[in-house]
């Protein structure tokens, strides 16, 4: 997979979003109920992005 770096950037964004949410919610700046949005919008994407990156790594190792 040639375009794995953009997939990595997407995954990093999906990781940083929940981290920012946790910090804001812990400080009382954001309602904890918004965590459902984080779950459906960010965490659910960790699996597909992770699988794409694992597959890209396997293909890269196979060509070496």
Protein backbone atom coordinates (compact mmCIF):
# COMPACT_ATOMS: atom_id res chain seq x y z
CA UNK A 1 0.00 0.00 0.00
CA UNK A 2 1.61 3.18 -1.21
CA UNK A 3 -0.56 5.61 0.74
CA UNK A 4 -0.09 4.19 4.23
CA UNK A 5 1.21 7.52 5.66
CA UNK A 6 -2.18 9.22 5.21
CA UNK A 7 -3.81 6.24 6.90
CA UNK A 8 -1.40 6.68 9.82
CA UNK A 9 -2.31 10.38 10.05
CA UNK A 10 -5.98 9.41 10.13
CA UNK A 11 -5.36 6.94 12.94
CA UNK A 12 -3.38 9.52 14.91
CA UNK A 13 -6.29 11.94 14.58
CA UNK A 14 -8.67 9.29 15.85
CA UNK A 15 -6.37 8.70 18.84
CA UNK A 16 -5.79 12.37 19.68
CA UNK A 17 -9.51 13.20 19.61
CA UNK A 18 -10.41 10.91 22.51
CA UNK A 19 -7.34 12.07 24.47
CA UNK A 20 -8.44 15.69 24.10
CA UNK A 21 -11.98 14.75 25.06
CA UNK A 22 -10.79 12.99 28.22
CA UNK A 23 -8.70 16.00 29.25
CA UNK A 24 -11.54 18.46 28.65
CA UNK A 25 -14.15 16.29 30.34
CA UNK A 26 -11.91 15.69 33.37
CA UNK A 27 -11.53 19.46 33.75
CA UNK A 28 -15.27 19.98 33.52
CA UNK A 29 -15.02 21.86 30.23
CA UNK A 30 -16.92 19.24 28.28
CA UNK A 31 -19.86 17.00 29.25
CA UNK A 32 -19.07 13.33 29.79
CA UNK A 33 -22.20 12.43 27.83
CA UNK A 34 -20.40 13.48 24.66
CA UNK A 35 -18.32 10.32 25.14
CA UNK A 36 -20.92 8.44 23.09
CA UNK A 37 -19.99 10.58 20.11
CA UNK A 38 -16.31 9.85 20.68
CA UNK A 39 -17.11 6.14 20.80
CA UNK A 40 -19.02 6.13 17.52
CA UNK A 41 -16.91 8.69 15.68
CA UNK A 42 -13.35 7.91 16.80
CA UNK A 43 -12.82 4.66 18.67
CA UNK A 44 -14.71 2.54 16.16
CA UNK A 45 -12.20 3.59 13.48
CA UNK A 46 -9.16 2.28 15.37
CA UNK A 47 -9.80 -1.26 14.09
CA UNK A 48 -10.05 -0.47 10.35
CA UNK A 49 -7.10 1.94 10.40
CA UNK A 50 -5.06 -0.57 12.41
CA UNK A 51 -5.86 -3.41 10.02
CA UNK A 52 -4.91 -1.30 7.00
CA UNK A 53 -1.57 -0.40 8.58
CA UNK A 54 -0.84 -4.01 9.58
CA UNK A 55 -1.60 -5.13 6.03
CA UNK A 56 0.67 -2.41 4.60
CA UNK A 57 3.47 -3.52 6.95
CA UNK A 58 3.09 -7.15 5.86
CA UNK A 59 3.23 -6.21 2.20
CA UNK A 60 6.30 -4.04 2.79
CA UNK A 61 8.06 -6.90 4.58
CA UNK A 62 7.15 -9.34 1.82
CA UNK A 63 8.85 -7.20 -0.83
CA UNK A 64 12.14 -6.90 1.05
